[in-house]
Amino acid sequence: MSVWHELDDLLGLDDDEYDRLDLFQEADELIGQLRTADVPALLALWQTRSLCWQQRFTQASTNIDGAVLRALLAGLLQIRETTHGVFELMSRLPATADHSPLSDALLAYAEQAWHAQGPASHRQIQISCWSCGLSGRLLKRLGFSAWKDAGL
């Protein structure tokens, strides 16, 4: 069985079984074994799985490979209906943003979400951008000189 099939089965368990068996660490280990070649299948799953499945994935992704993370984020940005995953996975990126197309796309996504989602989500957007080094660039795009000016 491939890693992503095993991971899919594990993340899809009912809440009682997943929690009772404390499968978070096993999910984290499986996520750490994913390779870039697994990302298309993972993205296909992402679109058909529940929010609970997606949340389990993002919570257990502490050992995700950097190349897999970047490919997954790039893919999630292409899925218009994605409501979970991008901001949650941004915190797994290195703390210093680069000037790559992915960083630029994440910045554009954050700016769009800032305007679309309203004040209730501003804190999460700010924290996600701060954790991967995009905070200052987002401030400039939003026209603020400090997060205090943005109401945070």
N, C-alpha and C. Protein backbone atom coordinates (compact mmCIF):
# COMPACT_ATOMS: atom_id res chain seq x y z
N MET A 1 0.85 -1.18 0.00
CA MET A 1 0.00 0.00 0.00
C MET A 1 0.90 1.25 0.00
N SER A 2 0.57 2.22 -0.84
CA SER A 2 1.39 3.43 -0.89
C SER A 2 1.19 4.25 0.37
N VAL A 3 2.14 5.14 0.61
CA VAL A 3 2.10 5.97 1.81
C VAL A 3 0.83 6.81 1.84
N TRP A 4 0.49 7.41 0.70
CA TRP A 4 -0.68 8.28 0.74
C TRP A 4 -1.98 7.51 0.90
N HIS A 5 -2.04 6.25 0.44
CA HIS A 5 -3.23 5.43 0.69
C HIS A 5 -3.34 5.12 2.18
N GLU A 6 -2.22 4.75 2.78
CA GLU A 6 -2.21 4.46 4.21
C GLU A 6 -2.58 5.70 5.01
N LEU A 7 -2.03 6.83 4.60
CA LEU A 7 -2.33 8.10 5.27
C LEU A 7 -3.81 8.44 5.13
N ASP A 8 -4.35 8.27 3.95
CA ASP A 8 -5.77 8.54 3.71
C ASP A 8 -6.65 7.69 4.63
N ASP A 9 -6.34 6.41 4.72
CA ASP A 9 -7.10 5.52 5.60
C ASP A 9 -7.01 5.98 7.06
N LEU A 10 -5.83 6.34 7.48
CA LEU A 10 -5.60 6.75 8.86
C LEU A 10 -6.35 8.05 9.18
N LEU A 11 -6.22 9.04 8.32
CA LEU A 11 -6.88 10.32 8.57
C LEU A 11 -8.40 10.22 8.44
N GLY A 12 -8.87 9.21 7.77
CA GLY A 12 -10.31 9.03 7.58
C GLY A 12 -11.01 8.23 8.67
N LEU A 13 -10.26 7.76 9.65
CA LEU A 13 -10.88 7.01 10.75
C LEU A 13 -11.86 7.89 11.51
N ASP A 14 -12.84 7.24 12.16
CA ASP A 14 -13.78 8.04 12.95
C ASP A 14 -13.05 8.66 14.14
N ASP A 15 -13.64 9.72 14.68
CA ASP A 15 -13.00 10.49 15.74
C ASP A 15 -12.61 9.64 16.94
N ASP A 16 -13.51 8.76 17.35
CA ASP A 16 -13.22 7.94 18.53
C ASP A 16 -11.98 7.09 18.33
N GLU A 17 -11.90 6.42 17.20
CA GLU A 17 -10.77 5.54 16.94
C GLU A 17 -9.47 6.33 16.77
N TYR A 18 -9.51 7.42 16.02
CA TYR A 18 -8.31 8.24 15.78
C TYR A 18 -7.78 8.79 17.12
N ASP A 19 -8.69 9.30 17.95
CA ASP A 19 -8.28 9.87 19.23
C ASP A 19 -7.89 8.80 20.24
N ARG A 20 -8.67 7.72 20.30
CA ARG A 20 -8.42 6.67 21.29
C ARG A 20 -7.07 6.01 21.05
N LEU A 21 -6.72 5.79 19.80
CA LEU A 21 -5.45 5.15 19.46
C LEU A 21 -4.30 6.16 19.35
N ASP A 22 -4.62 7.46 19.55
CA ASP A 22 -3.63 8.53 19.49
C ASP A 22 -2.76 8.39 18.24
N LEU A 23 -3.42 8.47 17.08
CA LEU A 23 -2.75 8.22 15.80
C LEU A 23 -2.09 9.45 15.20
N PHE A 24 -2.05 10.55 15.94
CA PHE A 24 -1.42 11.78 15.47
C PHE A 24 0.04 11.54 15.07
N GLN A 25 0.78 10.87 15.92
CA GLN A 25 2.20 10.65 15.65
C GLN A 25 2.40 9.74 14.42
N GLU A 26 1.57 8.73 14.28
CA GLU A 26 1.67 7.86 13.11
C GLU A 26 1.36 8.64 11.83
N ALA A 27 0.36 9.53 11.90
CA ALA A 27 0.04 10.36 10.74
C ALA A 27 1.21 11.28 10.41
N ASP A 28 1.83 11.84 11.42
CA ASP A 28 2.99 12.71 11.23
C ASP A 28 4.13 11.96 10.55
N GLU A 29 4.37 10.73 10.96
CA GLU A 29 5.43 9.92 10.35
C GLU A 29 5.12 9.62 8.89
N LEU A 30 3.87 9.29 8.59
CA LEU A 30 3.48 9.03 7.20
C LEU A 30 3.61 10.28 6.33
N ILE A 31 3.20 11.41 6.87
CA ILE A 31 3.33 12.67 6.12
C ILE A 31 4.80 12.95 5.83
N GLY A 32 5.67 12.64 6.77
CA GLY A 32 7.11 12.82 6.57
C GLY A 32 7.68 11.94 5.47
N GLN A 33 6.98 10.87 5.12
CA GLN A 33 7.43 9.96 4.06
C GLN A 33 6.93 10.35 2.67
N LEU A 34 6.02 11.32 2.60
CA LEU A 34 5.49 11.74 1.31
C LEU A 34 6.60 12.36 0.46
N ARG A 35 6.49 12.16 -0.84
CA ARG A 35 7.45 12.72 -1.80
C ARG A 35 6.69 13.61 -2.76
N THR A 36 7.40 14.42 -3.47
CA THR A 36 6.78 15.35 -4.41
C THR A 36 5.88 14.62 -5.41
N ALA A 37 6.27 13.43 -5.80
CA ALA A 37 5.46 12.64 -6.74
C ALA A 37 4.10 12.27 -6.15
N ASP A 38 3.96 12.30 -4.83
CA ASP A 38 2.69 11.97 -4.17
C ASP A 38 1.72 13.15 -4.15
N VAL A 39 2.20 14.35 -4.41
CA VAL A 39 1.37 15.54 -4.26
C VAL A 39 0.15 15.56 -5.16
N PRO A 40 0.22 15.19 -6.44
CA PRO A 40 -1.01 15.19 -7.25
C PRO A 40 -2.11 14.30 -6.66
N ALA A 41 -1.75 13.14 -6.18
CA ALA A 41 -2.74 12.26 -5.56
C ALA A 41 -3.27 12.88 -4.26
N LEU A 42 -2.39 13.49 -3.50
CA LEU A 42 -2.79 14.13 -2.26
C LEU A 42 -3.75 15.29 -2.54
N LEU A 43 -3.47 16.07 -3.56
CA LEU A 43 -4.38 17.18 -3.92
C LEU A 43 -5.74 16.66 -4.37
N ALA A 44 -5.75 15.56 -5.10
CA ALA A 44 -7.02 14.96 -5.50
C ALA A 44 -7.82 14.52 -4.28
N LEU A 45 -7.13 13.94 -3.30
CA LEU A 45 -7.80 13.54 -2.06
C LEU A 45 -8.32 14.75 -1.31
N TRP A 46 -7.50 15.78 -1.26
CA TRP A 46 -7.83 16.99 -0.50
C TRP A 46 -9.19 17.53 -0.91
N GLN A 47 -9.46 17.49 -2.19
CA GLN A 47 -10.71 18.05 -2.72
C GLN A 47 -11.93 17.21 -2.40
N THR A 48 -11.73 15.94 -2.07
CA THR A 48 -12.86 15.06 -1.81
C THR A 48 -13.02 14.68 -0.34
N ARG A 49 -12.07 15.06 0.48
CA ARG A 49 -12.12 14.67 1.89
C ARG A 49 -12.74 15.76 2.75
N SER A 50 -13.15 15.35 3.93
CA SER A 50 -13.84 16.24 4.86
C SER A 50 -12.88 17.26 5.48
N LEU A 51 -13.47 18.28 6.07
CA LEU A 51 -12.68 19.27 6.78
C LEU A 51 -11.90 18.61 7.91
N CYS A 52 -12.49 17.64 8.58
CA CYS A 52 -11.81 16.91 9.65
C CYS A 52 -10.54 16.23 9.13
N TRP A 53 -10.61 15.60 7.98
CA TRP A 53 -9.46 14.95 7.36
C TRP A 53 -8.37 15.99 7.09
N GLN A 54 -8.77 17.12 6.50
CA GLN A 54 -7.83 18.18 6.18
C GLN A 54 -7.18 18.75 7.44
N GLN A 55 -7.98 18.94 8.48
CA GLN A 55 -7.44 19.45 9.74
C GLN A 55 -6.45 18.47 10.36
N ARG A 56 -6.77 17.21 10.32
CA ARG A 56 -5.84 16.20 10.84
C ARG A 56 -4.52 16.24 10.08
N PHE A 57 -4.61 16.38 8.76
CA PHE A 57 -3.40 16.44 7.94
C PHE A 57 -2.55 17.64 8.35
N THR A 58 -3.16 18.82 8.39
CA THR A 58 -2.37 20.02 8.69
C THR A 58 -1.81 19.98 10.10
N GLN A 59 -2.54 19.44 11.05
CA GLN A 59 -2.06 19.34 12.42
C GLN A 59 -0.90 18.37 12.55
N ALA A 60 -0.91 17.32 11.75
CA ALA A 60 0.10 16.26 11.86
C ALA A 60 1.25 16.44 10.87
N SER A 61 1.38 17.60 10.28
CA SER A 61 2.37 17.78 9.22
C SER A 61 3.68 18.40 9.69
N THR A 62 4.07 18.16 10.93
CA THR A 62 5.29 18.78 11.44
C THR A 62 6.55 18.26 10.76
N ASN A 63 6.52 17.05 10.23
CA ASN A 63 7.70 16.48 9.57
C ASN A 63 7.61 16.47 8.05
N ILE A 64 6.72 17.27 7.49
CA ILE A 64 6.54 17.28 6.04
C ILE A 64 7.82 17.79 5.36
N ASP A 65 8.19 17.13 4.31
CA ASP A 65 9.37 17.51 3.52
C ASP A 65 9.14 18.89 2.91
N GLY A 66 10.17 19.73 2.87
CA GLY A 66 10.04 21.08 2.35
C GLY A 66 9.56 21.14 0.91
N ALA A 67 10.08 20.27 0.06
CA ALA A 67 9.66 20.26 -1.35
C ALA A 67 8.20 19.82 -1.47
N VAL A 68 7.79 18.86 -0.66
CA VAL A 68 6.40 18.40 -0.66
C VAL A 68 5.50 19.53 -0.18
N LEU A 69 5.91 20.21 0.86
CA LEU A 69 5.12 21.33 1.40
C LEU A 69 4.93 22.41 0.35
N ARG A 70 5.99 22.78 -0.33
CA ARG A 70 5.88 23.82 -1.35
C ARG A 70 4.97 23.38 -2.51
N ALA A 71 5.11 22.14 -2.94
CA ALA A 71 4.27 21.63 -4.02
C ALA A 71 2.80 21.55 -3.58
N LEU A 72 2.58 21.13 -2.33
CA LEU A 72 1.22 21.05 -1.81
C LEU A 72 0.60 22.44 -1.72
N LEU A 73 1.34 23.40 -1.18
CA LEU A 73 0.81 24.77 -1.08
C LEU A 73 0.51 25.34 -2.47
N ALA A 74 1.43 25.13 -3.41
CA ALA A 74 1.20 25.62 -4.77
C ALA A 74 -0.07 25.00 -5.36
N GLY A 75 -0.28 23.72 -5.11
CA GLY A 75 -1.48 23.05 -5.58
C GLY A 75 -2.74 23.54 -4.90
N LEU A 76 -2.67 23.75 -3.59
CA LEU A 76 -3.84 24.24 -2.86
C LEU A 76 -4.25 25.63 -3.33
N LEU A 77 -3.27 26.44 -3.70
CA LEU A 77 -3.58 27.78 -4.20
C LEU A 77 -4.35 27.73 -5.51
N GLN A 78 -4.23 26.63 -6.23
CA GLN A 78 -4.93 26.47 -7.50
C GLN A 78 -6.36 25.98 -7.34
N ILE A 79 -6.69 25.47 -6.16
CA ILE A 79 -8.03 24.95 -5.88
C ILE A 79 -8.87 26.10 -5.34
N ARG A 80 -9.79 26.55 -6.09
CA ARG A 80 -10.58 27.74 -5.72
C ARG A 80 -11.44 27.53 -4.48
N GLU A 81 -11.92 26.33 -4.25
CA GLU A 81 -12.82 26.07 -3.13
C GLU A 81 -12.09 25.77 -1.82
N THR A 82 -10.79 25.83 -1.81
CA THR A 82 -10.04 25.47 -0.62
C THR A 82 -10.37 26.44 0.51
N THR A 83 -10.89 25.91 1.60
CA THR A 83 -11.18 26.75 2.76
C THR A 83 -10.25 26.43 3.92
N HIS A 84 -9.50 25.36 3.83
CA HIS A 84 -8.60 24.98 4.90
C HIS A 84 -7.30 24.48 4.28
N GLY A 85 -6.22 24.83 4.90
CA GLY A 85 -4.94 24.27 4.50
C GLY A 85 -3.85 25.27 4.23
N VAL A 86 -4.14 26.30 3.46
CA VAL A 86 -3.08 27.22 3.04
C VAL A 86 -2.48 27.93 4.26
N PHE A 87 -3.30 28.64 5.02
CA PHE A 87 -2.76 29.37 6.17
C PHE A 87 -2.20 28.43 7.23
N GLU A 88 -2.83 27.29 7.38
CA GLU A 88 -2.37 26.32 8.38
C GLU A 88 -1.00 25.74 8.01
N LEU A 89 -0.76 25.52 6.73
CA LEU A 89 0.52 24.95 6.28
C LEU A 89 1.62 26.00 6.10
N MET A 90 1.24 27.25 5.96
CA MET A 90 2.25 28.31 5.80
C MET A 90 3.21 28.34 6.99
N SER A 91 2.72 27.99 8.16
CA SER A 91 3.57 28.02 9.35
C SER A 91 4.67 26.96 9.30
N ARG A 92 4.57 26.02 8.38
CA ARG A 92 5.59 24.98 8.23
C ARG A 92 6.74 25.43 7.32
N LEU A 93 6.56 26.55 6.64
CA LEU A 93 7.61 27.08 5.77
C LEU A 93 8.73 27.69 6.61
N PRO A 94 9.92 27.86 6.04
CA PRO A 94 10.99 28.54 6.77
C PRO A 94 10.55 29.95 7.17
N ALA A 95 11.10 30.46 8.25
CA ALA A 95 10.69 31.76 8.80
C ALA A 95 11.11 32.94 7.94
N THR A 96 11.94 32.73 6.95
CA THR A 96 12.39 33.81 6.07
C THR A 96 11.85 33.57 4.67
N ALA A 97 10.97 34.44 4.24
CA ALA A 97 10.38 34.29 2.91
C ALA A 97 11.40 34.61 1.83
N ASP A 98 11.28 33.94 0.72
CA ASP A 98 12.12 34.25 -0.43
C ASP A 98 11.29 35.04 -1.44
N HIS A 99 11.83 35.28 -2.58
CA HIS A 99 11.10 36.00 -3.63
C HIS A 99 10.71 35.04 -4.74
N SER A 100 10.29 33.85 -4.34
CA SER A 100 9.88 32.82 -5.29
C SER A 100 8.45 33.07 -5.76
N PRO A 101 8.07 32.43 -6.85
CA PRO A 101 6.66 32.52 -7.29
C PRO A 101 5.70 32.02 -6.20
N LEU A 102 6.11 31.01 -5.42
CA LEU A 102 5.23 30.52 -4.36
C LEU A 102 5.02 31.60 -3.30
N SER A 103 6.08 32.25 -2.85
CA SER A 103 5.93 33.32 -1.86
C SER A 103 5.04 34.44 -2.40
N ASP A 104 5.23 34.79 -3.65
CA ASP A 104 4.39 35.82 -4.26
C ASP A 104 2.93 35.39 -4.32
N ALA A 105 2.70 34.13 -4.64
CA ALA A 105 1.33 33.60 -4.70
C ALA A 105 0.70 33.55 -3.31
N LEU A 106 1.47 33.16 -2.31
CA LEU A 106 0.96 33.13 -0.93
C LEU A 106 0.62 34.54 -0.47
N LEU A 107 1.45 35.49 -0.83
CA LEU A 107 1.21 36.88 -0.47
C LEU A 107 -0.08 37.39 -1.12
N ALA A 108 -0.26 37.09 -2.39
CA ALA A 108 -1.49 37.49 -3.08
C ALA A 108 -2.71 36.82 -2.45
N TYR A 109 -2.58 35.55 -2.09
CA TYR A 109 -3.67 34.81 -1.44
C TYR A 109 -4.02 35.47 -0.11
N ALA A 110 -2.99 35.80 0.68
CA ALA A 110 -3.22 36.44 1.99
C ALA A 110 -3.89 37.79 1.84
N GLU A 111 -3.46 38.57 0.86
CA GLU A 111 -4.07 39.88 0.63
C GLU A 111 -5.54 39.72 0.24
N GLN A 112 -5.82 38.79 -0.65
CA GLN A 112 -7.20 38.56 -1.07
C GLN A 112 -8.04 38.09 0.11
N ALA A 113 -7.52 37.17 0.91
CA ALA A 113 -8.25 36.67 2.07
C ALA A 113 -8.49 37.78 3.10
N TRP A 114 -7.50 38.66 3.26
CA TRP A 114 -7.64 39.78 4.20
C TRP A 114 -8.88 40.61 3.86
N HIS A 115 -9.05 40.89 2.59
CA HIS A 115 -10.19 41.71 2.16
C HIS A 115 -11.49 40.91 2.13
N ALA A 116 -11.43 39.65 1.75
CA ALA A 116 -12.63 38.84 1.57
C ALA A 116 -13.19 38.28 2.88
N GLN A 117 -12.31 37.90 3.79
CA GLN A 117 -12.77 37.18 4.98
C GLN A 117 -13.13 38.09 6.15
N GLY A 118 -12.65 39.28 6.17
CA GLY A 118 -13.01 40.23 7.22
C GLY A 118 -12.20 40.10 8.48
N PRO A 119 -12.47 40.99 9.44
CA PRO A 119 -11.67 41.11 10.66
C PRO A 119 -11.55 39.85 11.50
N ALA A 120 -12.52 38.97 11.44
CA ALA A 120 -12.47 37.75 12.26
C ALA A 120 -11.28 36.87 11.90
N SER A 121 -10.82 36.92 10.68
CA SER A 121 -9.71 36.07 10.26
C SER A 121 -8.39 36.82 10.15
N HIS A 122 -8.39 38.11 10.40
CA HIS A 122 -7.17 38.90 10.24
C HIS A 122 -6.03 38.41 11.12
N ARG A 123 -6.32 37.99 12.33
CA ARG A 123 -5.26 37.51 13.24
C ARG A 123 -4.60 36.27 12.66
N GLN A 124 -5.38 35.31 12.18
CA GLN A 124 -4.79 34.09 11.61
C GLN A 124 -3.94 34.42 10.39
N ILE A 125 -4.42 35.30 9.55
CA ILE A 125 -3.66 35.69 8.36
C ILE A 125 -2.34 36.33 8.78
N GLN A 126 -2.39 37.23 9.74
CA GLN A 126 -1.18 37.90 10.22
C GLN A 126 -0.19 36.91 10.80
N ILE A 127 -0.65 35.97 11.61
CA ILE A 127 0.23 34.97 12.23
C ILE A 127 0.83 34.06 11.18
N SER A 128 0.02 33.62 10.23
CA SER A 128 0.53 32.74 9.18
C SER A 128 1.61 33.44 8.35
N CYS A 129 1.37 34.69 8.02
CA CYS A 129 2.35 35.44 7.23
C CYS A 129 3.59 35.75 8.05
N TRP A 130 3.42 36.04 9.31
CA TRP A 130 4.56 36.29 10.19
C TRP A 130 5.44 35.05 10.30
N SER A 131 4.83 33.89 10.46
CA SER A 131 5.60 32.66 10.70
C SER A 131 6.47 32.27 9.52
N CYS A 132 6.10 32.70 8.30
CA CYS A 132 6.91 32.34 7.13
C CYS A 132 7.61 33.54 6.51
N GLY A 133 7.64 34.65 7.22
CA GLY A 133 8.41 35.80 6.78
C GLY A 133 7.73 36.71 5.78
N LEU A 134 6.44 36.58 5.60
CA LEU A 134 5.72 37.42 4.64
C LEU A 134 4.99 38.58 5.29
N SER A 135 5.10 38.72 6.59
CA SER A 135 4.35 39.72 7.34
C SER A 135 4.60 41.14 6.85
N GLY A 136 5.86 41.53 6.74
CA GLY A 136 6.19 42.88 6.31
C GLY A 136 5.70 43.18 4.90
N ARG A 137 5.86 42.21 4.02
CA ARG A 137 5.41 42.40 2.64
C ARG A 137 3.88 42.52 2.57
N LEU A 138 3.18 41.76 3.42
CA LEU A 138 1.72 41.87 3.43
C LEU A 138 1.30 43.24 3.95
N LEU A 139 1.95 43.71 4.99
CA LEU A 139 1.64 45.05 5.51
C LEU A 139 1.74 46.10 4.41
N LYS A 140 2.83 46.05 3.65
CA LYS A 140 3.01 47.02 2.57
C LYS A 140 1.90 46.91 1.54
N ARG A 141 1.54 45.67 1.17
CA ARG A 141 0.48 45.48 0.16
C ARG A 141 -0.86 46.00 0.65
N LEU A 142 -1.07 45.89 1.97
CA LEU A 142 -2.33 46.35 2.55
C LEU A 142 -2.33 47.86 2.81
N GLY A 143 -1.15 48.48 2.72
CA GLY A 143 -1.05 49.92 2.92
C GLY A 143 -0.91 50.33 4.37
N PHE A 144 -0.44 49.44 5.22
CA PHE A 144 -0.24 49.75 6.63
C PHE A 144 1.24 49.84 6.94
N SER A 145 1.59 50.65 7.94
CA SER A 145 2.99 50.73 8.35
C SER A 145 3.29 49.79 9.51
N ALA A 146 2.25 49.37 10.23
CA ALA A 146 2.42 48.44 11.35
C ALA A 146 1.11 47.67 11.55
N TRP A 147 1.23 46.51 12.19
CA TRP A 147 0.02 45.72 12.43
C TRP A 147 -0.96 46.43 13.34
N LYS A 148 -0.47 47.32 14.19
CA LYS A 148 -1.35 48.11 15.05
C LYS A 148 -2.27 48.97 14.17
N ASP A 149 -1.71 49.52 13.10
CA ASP A 149 -2.52 50.32 12.17
C ASP A 149 -3.60 49.48 11.49
N ALA A 150 -3.34 48.19 11.39
CA ALA A 150 -4.29 47.26 10.76
C ALA A 150 -5.33 46.76 11.76
N GLY A 151 -5.24 47.22 12.99
CA GLY A 151 -6.20 46.83 14.02
C GLY A 151 -5.79 45.61 14.82
N LEU A 152 -4.53 45.20 14.69
CA LEU A 152 -4.04 44.03 15.43
C LEU A 152 -2.99 44.42 16.44
